[in-house]
Amino acid sequence: MPCACGKNRWEVCAVKKRITVIRSFIIFMLLLLAAPASAKAEDMQLYAQSAVLMDGDSGRILFGKNEQEVRAMASTTKIMTCILVLENTDLSDTAAASENAAMQPKVHLGVQKGETFYVKDLLYSLMLESHNDAAVILAEKTAGSVEAFAEKMNQKAEEIGCSDTHFVTPNGLDDEDAGGEHATTAVDLARILRYCIMQSPKRDEFLEITRTKTYEFSDVEQKKHYSCYNHNAFLDMMEGALTGKTGFTGKAGYCYVGALESEGRTFVVALLGCGWPNNRSYKWTDTKKLMDYAKEHFYIREFEMNAQTPQVLVEDGIPASGKIKDPCLVKTAVQSRGGQTKEHKIRLLVSDEDEVKLVCHMKTKTAAPLEADTVMGNVTLFLNNEKIKENEIVTADGAERISLSWCAGQIIKKFFIS
């Protein structure tokens, strides 16, 4: 039956269906275009009260959540204990358990006063099983007392740029002294692990210990035998997992600091206050989420720190041509600050949202006399308006000042010798 417009009813229905399909397709495409291609940092929902994702190579913070808030750190403390012992003590040395060490609470090795162990074995006990008594034995062996060792810990923290960290114990048990509570921030904790795996002269030994899955040892007298198992589940969770350390106290909650290497990139994650019982798996969820974000969004680019620089006009300078009518121009070149190397390329970890720019500033005019390698300016690489690297622009040659004797010589050449 035809309708008022003269078309059959089925034709009208067919047109309506086509319009509906087209409208749905347009809406779908608009939603698809509006949706983000991948998760953004601000969209991440983390359990941790404080968190940091750091570039292990540069120390740049790629993501932070309350990263400057000071919190208890529990047994993540032991990464600092481990690296200080490695840097200051021989692995083949022996260390005896004091009464203080024997009194440490669980988790502990269960040592008795007077028992002796090799430093190397105690480091595995410290990092794989997180034994509190092993930490005290090592601290007393290295510095003479827990208090003296804490001073070393704080000194090292200051050296590597940790401005909001205070150590009181070598094992991470909650405590305080005249300097304050035993605490750190997520960003400082990440800096400490970065030092352990990237900068310390003992980084290889640190990685070897903390990556070991199982380890067995005995006391020096071979009376007791112990087995240690690595409780860092992250090592088997993601390809490229490098190292890490867990921690828990009632005050700190579950904590974790770990590192991952992927395609020439190194990422460090630090988590504080990441759940309380019965939420011990939260730290693994947060760590994986941050590492996945890092692998997806950040890549390495190589930037050229060189630039085509103009010649410098040297007023009253002797021209290279030797003709007084010609200007004195001296070539310039870019070199690394201090002139120690001619390397101009720099590798940076960046994302699509980062802004990288090269800025050149230099003087193009100066006065004679001029020495070679005189600094005339600089070439600076900025990442998000933060200075990353600066090279110097220097003169390739020198220039002497025009003198009366030089002028007389030119006159002689022109009118007599010619």
Protein backbone atom coordinates (compact mmCIF):
# COMPACT_ATOMS: atom_id res chain seq x y z
CA MET A 1 0.00 0.00 0.00
CA PRO A 2 1.42 3.37 -0.98
CA CYS A 3 1.88 6.06 1.70
CA ALA A 4 1.26 9.79 1.40
CA CYS A 5 4.59 10.33 -0.30
CA GLY A 6 3.71 7.86 -3.03
CA LYS A 7 6.16 5.16 -1.91
CA ASN A 8 5.34 1.66 -0.74
CA ARG A 9 5.52 1.02 3.00
CA TRP A 10 8.37 -1.49 2.63
CA GLU A 11 10.42 1.09 0.72
CA VAL A 12 9.93 3.59 3.56
CA CYS A 13 11.02 1.00 6.11
CA ALA A 14 14.10 0.16 4.07
CA VAL A 15 15.11 3.86 3.93
CA LYS A 16 14.63 4.21 7.70
CA LYS A 17 16.78 1.16 8.32
CA ARG A 18 19.55 2.56 6.13
CA ILE A 19 19.41 5.89 7.98
CA THR A 20 19.59 4.06 11.34
CA VAL A 21 22.60 2.02 10.20
CA ILE A 22 24.41 5.12 8.89
CA ARG A 23 23.64 7.03 12.10
CA SER A 24 24.96 4.15 14.22
CA PHE A 25 28.12 3.94 12.13
CA ILE A 26 28.76 7.69 12.50
CA ILE A 27 28.27 7.50 16.29
CA PHE A 28 30.61 4.50 16.47
CA MET A 29 33.34 6.31 14.51
CA LEU A 30 33.01 9.42 16.66
CA LEU A 31 33.37 7.35 19.82
CA LEU A 32 36.34 5.54 18.32
CA LEU A 33 38.08 8.80 17.44
CA ALA A 34 37.31 10.31 20.83
CA ALA A 35 38.63 7.32 22.76
CA PRO A 36 42.32 7.46 23.74
CA ALA A 37 44.63 5.16 21.82
CA SER A 38 46.04 3.85 25.09
CA ALA A 39 45.85 4.46 28.80
CA LYS A 40 47.27 7.73 30.05
CA ALA A 41 49.19 8.23 33.28
CA GLU A 42 46.40 10.23 34.89
CA ASP A 43 43.95 7.41 34.15
CA MET A 44 45.86 4.82 36.17
CA GLN A 45 44.11 3.75 39.34
CA LEU A 46 46.83 2.62 41.75
CA TYR A 47 46.38 1.03 45.16
CA ALA A 48 49.64 2.52 46.50
CA GLN A 49 49.40 5.67 48.58
CA SER A 50 52.70 6.82 47.04
CA ALA A 51 54.18 5.65 43.75
CA VAL A 52 56.93 6.53 41.26
CA LEU A 53 57.90 5.37 37.80
CA MET A 54 61.48 6.43 37.01
CA ASP A 55 63.78 6.28 34.00
CA GLY A 56 66.71 4.26 35.31
CA ASP A 57 69.20 5.85 32.91
CA SER A 58 68.52 9.52 33.62
CA GLY A 59 66.67 9.44 36.95
CA ARG A 60 63.80 11.37 35.36
CA ILE A 61 60.40 10.83 36.99
CA LEU A 62 57.99 9.54 34.34
CA PHE A 63 55.00 9.24 36.67
CA GLY A 64 54.38 10.15 40.28
CA LYS A 65 51.58 9.83 42.80
CA ASN A 66 52.20 11.57 46.12
CA GLU A 67 55.85 10.86 45.34
CA GLN A 68 57.20 13.46 47.78
CA GLU A 69 55.16 12.34 50.80
CA VAL A 70 57.32 10.87 53.57
CA ARG A 71 56.24 7.37 54.62
CA ALA A 72 57.59 4.29 56.39
CA MET A 73 59.48 2.00 53.99
CA ALA A 74 59.71 -1.37 55.82
CA SER A 75 62.20 -3.90 54.37
CA THR A 76 62.76 -2.01 51.13
CA THR A 77 65.38 -0.43 53.45
CA LYS A 78 67.54 -3.50 52.86
CA ILE A 79 68.57 -2.42 49.36
CA MET A 80 70.58 0.36 50.98
CA THR A 81 71.97 -2.03 53.60
CA CYS A 82 73.01 -4.48 50.89
CA ILE A 83 74.79 -1.95 48.66
CA LEU A 84 76.67 -0.37 51.59
CA VAL A 85 77.89 -3.75 52.79
CA LEU A 86 78.99 -4.64 49.27
CA GLU A 87 80.89 -1.35 48.91
CA ASN A 88 82.55 -1.44 52.33
CA THR A 89 83.09 -5.10 53.26
CA ASP A 90 84.79 -8.13 51.72
CA LEU A 91 82.39 -10.96 50.89
CA SER A 92 84.81 -13.53 52.30
CA ASP A 93 84.93 -11.83 55.72
CA THR A 94 83.22 -13.40 58.69
CA ALA A 95 80.78 -11.68 61.04
CA ALA A 96 79.63 -12.71 64.49
CA ALA A 97 76.10 -12.34 65.81
CA SER A 98 75.73 -9.97 68.75
CA GLU A 99 73.07 -10.13 71.44
CA ASN A 100 71.28 -7.30 69.64
CA ALA A 101 71.21 -9.30 66.41
CA ALA A 102 69.93 -12.41 68.18
CA MET A 103 67.02 -10.39 69.63
CA GLN A 104 65.64 -9.21 66.28
CA PRO A 105 62.02 -10.20 65.56
CA LYS A 106 60.75 -12.28 62.69
CA VAL A 107 61.33 -12.54 59.86
CA HIS A 108 64.74 -13.71 61.06
CA LEU A 109 67.42 -16.31 60.49
CA GLY A 110 67.24 -17.30 64.17
CA VAL A 111 70.90 -16.71 65.04
CA GLN A 112 72.36 -17.15 68.51
CA LYS A 113 74.84 -14.79 70.09
CA GLY A 114 78.41 -15.68 69.08
CA GLU A 115 77.54 -17.62 65.93
CA THR A 116 79.63 -16.57 62.94
CA PHE A 117 78.77 -16.39 59.26
CA TYR A 118 80.36 -15.30 56.02
CA VAL A 119 79.32 -11.85 54.82
CA LYS A 120 78.37 -13.24 51.42
CA ASP A 121 75.94 -15.76 52.94
CA LEU A 122 74.34 -13.13 55.16
CA LEU A 123 73.69 -10.91 52.12
CA TYR A 124 71.64 -13.68 50.52
CA SER A 125 69.81 -14.16 53.81
CA LEU A 126 69.16 -10.40 53.86
CA MET A 127 67.87 -10.00 50.32
CA LEU A 128 66.13 -13.30 49.57
CA GLU A 129 64.42 -14.00 52.89
CA SER A 130 64.60 -10.45 54.31
CA HIS A 131 66.03 -11.65 57.62
CA ASN A 132 66.15 -8.88 60.21
CA ASP A 133 68.95 -10.41 62.28
CA ALA A 134 71.15 -10.75 59.20
CA ALA A 135 70.75 -7.01 58.62
CA VAL A 136 71.97 -6.19 62.14
CA ILE A 137 74.97 -8.55 61.91
CA LEU A 138 76.00 -6.97 58.62
CA ALA A 139 75.51 -3.43 59.92
CA GLU A 140 77.62 -4.08 63.02
CA LYS A 141 80.30 -5.80 60.91
CA THR A 142 80.48 -2.87 58.46
CA ALA A 143 80.31 0.11 60.82
CA GLY A 144 80.76 -1.23 64.36
CA SER A 145 77.21 -0.51 65.48
CA VAL A 146 73.70 -0.07 64.12
CA GLU A 147 73.84 3.64 64.92
CA ALA A 148 77.12 4.12 63.03
CA PHE A 149 75.77 2.15 60.09
CA ALA A 150 72.64 4.33 60.02
CA GLU A 151 74.93 7.35 59.70
CA LYS A 152 76.53 5.72 56.65
CA MET A 153 73.08 5.03 55.21
CA ASN A 154 72.03 8.65 55.63
CA GLN A 155 75.29 9.91 54.19
CA LYS A 156 74.91 7.72 51.11
CA ALA A 157 71.28 8.80 50.71
CA GLU A 158 72.36 12.43 50.70
CA GLU A 159 75.12 11.72 48.17
CA ILE A 160 72.68 10.27 45.65
CA GLY A 161 70.17 13.09 46.03
CA CYS A 162 67.68 11.72 48.55
CA SER A 163 66.57 14.83 50.42
CA ASP A 164 63.59 13.36 52.30
CA THR A 165 65.00 10.07 53.59
CA HIS A 166 66.08 9.22 57.12
CA PHE A 167 67.45 5.82 58.13
CA VAL A 168 67.43 4.55 61.70
CA THR A 169 67.56 0.77 61.26
CA PRO A 170 69.34 -1.47 58.72
CA ASN A 171 66.36 -3.81 58.42
CA GLY A 172 63.46 -1.37 58.03
CA LEU A 173 61.68 -2.02 61.31
CA ASP A 174 59.76 1.08 62.37
CA ASP A 175 61.86 3.21 64.69
CA GLU A 176 62.98 6.78 65.29
CA ASP A 177 65.90 8.70 66.71
CA ALA A 178 66.84 12.34 67.26
CA GLY A 179 66.83 12.86 63.49
CA GLY A 180 63.27 11.65 63.04
CA GLU A 181 61.38 8.54 62.00
CA HIS A 182 62.74 5.81 59.78
CA ALA A 183 61.09 6.87 56.51
CA THR A 184 61.52 7.87 52.88
CA THR A 185 59.53 8.99 49.84
CA ALA A 186 58.65 7.00 46.73
CA VAL A 187 60.97 9.14 44.62
CA ASP A 188 63.89 8.75 47.03
CA LEU A 189 63.35 4.99 47.21
CA ALA A 190 63.45 4.80 43.42
CA ARG A 191 66.68 6.85 43.45
CA ILE A 192 68.28 4.40 45.87
CA LEU A 193 67.47 1.37 43.71
CA ARG A 194 68.65 3.26 40.62
CA TYR A 195 71.96 3.83 42.39
CA CYS A 196 72.19 0.15 43.33
CA ILE A 197 71.69 -1.14 39.77
CA MET A 198 73.03 1.68 37.57
CA GLN A 199 75.66 3.70 39.41
CA SER A 200 77.28 1.75 42.25
CA PRO A 201 80.66 0.12 41.58
CA LYS A 202 79.09 -3.00 43.10
CA ARG A 203 75.97 -3.01 40.91
CA ASP A 204 76.84 -6.35 39.29
CA GLU A 205 77.20 -8.04 42.67
CA PHE A 206 73.94 -6.46 43.84
CA LEU A 207 72.06 -7.81 40.82
CA GLU A 208 73.61 -11.25 41.15
CA ILE A 209 72.45 -11.58 44.76
CA THR A 210 68.97 -10.15 44.30
CA ARG A 211 68.24 -12.20 41.15
CA THR A 212 69.19 -15.54 42.72
CA LYS A 213 66.15 -17.81 43.16
CA THR A 214 67.48 -20.15 45.88
CA TYR A 215 70.61 -20.21 48.02
CA GLU A 216 71.98 -22.57 50.67
CA PHE A 217 74.69 -21.93 53.25
CA SER A 218 75.96 -22.86 56.68
CA ASP A 219 77.49 -21.01 59.58
CA VAL A 220 81.30 -20.88 59.61
CA GLU A 221 81.54 -23.88 61.93
CA GLN A 222 79.19 -25.90 59.70
CA LYS A 223 76.86 -26.64 62.62
CA LYS A 224 73.69 -25.21 61.11
CA HIS A 225 72.42 -25.23 57.53
CA TYR A 226 70.04 -22.78 55.96
CA SER A 227 68.02 -22.48 52.73
CA CYS A 228 66.88 -19.18 51.27
CA TYR A 229 64.18 -18.59 48.67
CA ASN A 230 63.66 -15.39 46.76
CA HIS A 231 60.27 -13.86 47.60
CA ASN A 232 60.36 -11.28 44.81
CA ALA A 233 57.52 -12.66 42.66
CA PHE A 234 58.02 -9.88 40.12
CA LEU A 235 61.10 -11.70 38.76
CA ASP A 236 58.77 -14.27 37.18
CA MET A 237 55.96 -11.86 36.43
CA MET A 238 57.33 -9.86 33.49
CA GLU A 239 59.97 -10.44 30.86
CA GLY A 240 63.00 -8.30 31.57
CA ALA A 241 62.43 -8.06 35.34
CA LEU A 242 65.80 -7.15 36.87
CA THR A 243 65.53 -6.99 40.62
CA GLY A 244 63.43 -5.77 43.51
CA LYS A 245 62.69 -5.85 47.22
CA THR A 246 59.45 -6.27 49.13
CA GLY A 247 58.63 -4.91 52.56
CA PHE A 248 55.90 -4.85 55.17
CA THR A 249 55.27 -3.44 58.64
CA GLY A 250 52.00 -2.51 60.27
CA LYS A 251 52.85 1.14 59.82
CA ALA A 252 54.30 0.98 56.30
CA GLY A 253 51.85 -1.45 54.75
CA TYR A 254 53.03 -3.44 51.78
CA CYS A 255 55.92 -1.76 49.96
CA TYR A 256 57.92 -2.62 46.88
CA VAL A 257 60.74 -1.29 44.76
CA GLY A 258 61.76 -3.02 41.55
CA ALA A 259 63.36 -2.57 38.14
CA LEU A 260 62.78 -3.85 34.63
CA GLU A 261 64.84 -3.73 31.44
CA SER A 262 63.20 -3.68 28.01
CA GLU A 263 64.67 -2.85 24.59
CA GLY A 264 67.54 -0.83 26.02
CA ARG A 265 65.29 0.99 28.50
CA THR A 266 65.47 0.59 32.28
CA PHE A 267 62.47 1.43 34.44
CA VAL A 268 62.29 1.66 38.23
CA VAL A 269 59.05 1.46 40.22
CA ALA A 270 58.69 2.35 43.91
CA LEU A 271 55.50 1.80 45.92
CA LEU A 272 54.76 2.78 49.53
CA GLY A 273 51.61 1.99 51.49
CA CYS A 274 50.35 -0.39 48.83
CA GLY A 275 47.64 -2.12 50.86
CA TRP A 276 47.49 -3.87 54.20
CA PRO A 277 46.45 -7.45 55.04
CA ASN A 278 44.76 -9.10 53.25
CA ASN A 279 45.87 -7.20 50.16
CA ARG A 280 49.45 -8.32 49.68
CA SER A 281 48.93 -8.78 45.91
CA TYR A 282 48.18 -5.08 45.36
CA LYS A 283 51.88 -4.29 44.98
CA TRP A 284 52.22 -6.71 42.08
CA THR A 285 49.15 -5.27 40.36
CA ASP A 286 50.49 -1.72 40.68
CA THR A 287 54.00 -2.68 39.60
CA LYS A 288 52.81 -4.46 36.48
CA LYS A 289 50.46 -1.60 35.62
CA LEU A 290 53.26 0.97 35.85
CA MET A 291 55.75 -1.17 33.94
CA ASP A 292 53.24 -1.87 31.15
CA TYR A 293 52.54 1.86 30.91
CA ALA A 294 56.28 2.59 30.70
CA LYS A 295 56.93 0.00 27.99
CA GLU A 296 54.00 1.23 25.91
CA HIS A 297 54.51 4.99 26.14
CA PHE A 298 58.26 5.64 26.34
CA TYR A 299 60.88 4.99 23.69
CA ILE A 300 64.49 5.97 23.05
CA ARG A 301 65.34 8.74 20.58
CA GLU A 302 68.78 9.99 19.64
CA PHE A 303 69.30 13.74 19.43
CA GLU A 304 72.15 15.56 17.71
CA MET A 305 73.82 18.08 20.00
CA ASN A 306 75.75 19.65 17.13
CA ALA A 307 74.72 22.75 15.16
CA GLN A 308 75.85 24.84 12.21
CA THR A 309 77.41 27.84 13.95
CA PRO A 310 78.38 31.12 12.25
CA GLN A 311 81.82 32.67 12.07
CA VAL A 312 82.82 35.26 14.64
CA LEU A 313 83.84 38.75 13.54
CA VAL A 314 87.00 39.74 15.41
CA GLU A 315 87.33 43.52 15.54
CA ASP A 316 90.91 44.77 15.09
CA GLY A 317 91.96 41.23 14.34
CA ILE A 318 94.47 40.23 11.65
CA PRO A 319 92.51 38.67 8.74
CA ALA A 320 93.42 35.18 7.61
CA SER A 321 93.97 36.58 4.10
CA GLY A 322 96.61 38.96 5.41
CA LYS A 323 94.86 41.86 3.69
CA ILE A 324 93.98 44.80 5.89
CA LYS A 325 90.83 45.54 3.90
CA ASP A 326 89.36 42.09 4.66
CA PRO A 327 87.38 41.37 7.86
CA CYS A 328 88.86 39.03 10.44
CA LEU A 329 86.51 36.04 10.65
CA VAL A 330 87.10 32.98 12.83
CA LYS A 331 85.25 29.69 12.48
CA THR A 332 83.43 28.17 15.47
CA ALA A 333 82.57 24.61 16.45
CA VAL A 334 80.48 22.76 19.02
CA GLN A 335 82.17 20.66 21.67
CA SER A 336 81.05 19.05 24.92
CA ARG A 337 81.34 21.24 27.98
CA GLY A 338 84.93 21.40 29.14
CA GLY A 339 86.21 20.13 25.79
CA GLN A 340 86.74 16.62 27.12
CA THR A 341 84.92 14.85 24.29
CA LYS A 342 83.59 15.55 20.82
CA GLU A 343 80.50 13.36 21.33
CA HIS A 344 77.45 15.28 20.13
CA LYS A 345 74.72 12.62 20.24
CA ILE A 346 72.55 11.99 23.25
CA ARG A 347 69.95 9.27 23.83
CA LEU A 348 66.76 10.26 25.61
CA LEU A 349 63.77 8.32 26.82
CA VAL A 350 60.74 10.26 25.63
CA SER A 351 57.03 9.90 24.92
CA ASP A 352 54.89 11.45 22.21
CA GLU A 353 53.74 14.09 24.72
CA ASP A 354 57.27 15.27 25.52
CA GLU A 355 58.65 18.48 24.00
CA VAL A 356 62.31 18.38 22.99
CA LYS A 357 64.08 21.44 21.60
CA LEU A 358 67.64 22.55 20.83
CA VAL A 359 68.48 26.18 21.64
CA CYS A 360 71.63 27.96 20.44
CA HIS A 361 73.04 31.15 22.01
CA MET A 362 76.35 32.71 20.97
CA LYS A 363 78.24 35.96 20.43
CA THR A 364 79.06 36.67 16.80
CA LYS A 365 81.40 39.59 17.45
CA THR A 366 84.40 40.02 19.74
CA ALA A 367 87.66 41.95 19.94
CA ALA A 368 91.25 40.90 19.27
CA PRO A 369 93.38 39.32 20.49
CA LEU A 370 91.43 36.04 20.48
CA GLU A 371 92.68 32.62 21.55
CA ALA A 372 91.62 29.33 20.01
CA ASP A 373 88.97 27.37 21.97
CA THR A 374 87.50 30.55 23.43
CA VAL A 375 83.89 29.89 24.52
CA MET A 376 81.49 32.04 22.50
CA GLY A 377 78.17 30.47 23.51
CA ASN A 378 76.34 27.20 23.99
CA VAL A 379 73.94 24.70 22.46
CA THR A 380 71.39 23.44 25.01
CA LEU A 381 68.98 20.52 24.78
CA PHE A 382 65.71 20.99 26.68
CA LEU A 383 63.17 18.32 27.57
CA ASN A 384 59.87 19.86 28.66
CA ASN A 385 61.76 23.12 29.43
CA GLU A 386 64.24 21.28 31.65
CA LYS A 387 67.90 21.51 30.70
CA ILE A 388 69.20 18.05 29.83
CA LYS A 389 72.61 18.72 28.29
CA GLU A 390 74.69 21.71 27.25
CA ASN A 391 77.57 21.85 24.77
CA GLU A 392 79.91 24.79 24.24
CA ILE A 393 80.47 26.78 21.07
CA VAL A 394 84.18 27.58 20.82
CA THR A 395 86.48 29.30 18.34
CA ALA A 396 88.35 26.91 16.08
CA ASP A 397 91.33 29.28 15.71
CA GLY A 398 92.77 32.38 17.33
CA ALA A 399 93.39 35.89 15.97
CA GLU A 400 96.13 38.37 16.80
CA ARG A 401 95.48 42.08 17.16
CA ILE A 402 96.49 44.44 14.36
CA SER A 403 99.64 46.28 15.45
CA LEU A 404 101.74 49.14 14.07
CA SER A 405 104.51 46.74 13.11
CA TRP A 406 102.04 44.50 11.25
CA CYS A 407 100.68 47.53 9.33
CA ALA A 408 104.21 48.62 8.46
CA GLY A 409 104.94 45.13 7.19
CA GLN A 410 101.86 45.20 4.96
CA ILE A 411 102.94 48.56 3.50
CA ILE A 412 106.40 47.22 2.77
CA LYS A 413 104.97 44.18 1.02
CA LYS A 414 102.62 46.26 -1.09
CA PHE A 415 104.88 49.08 -2.20
CA PHE A 416 108.38 47.62 -2.15
CA ILE A 417 108.33 43.85 -2.43
CA SER A 418 105.57 43.81 -5.06
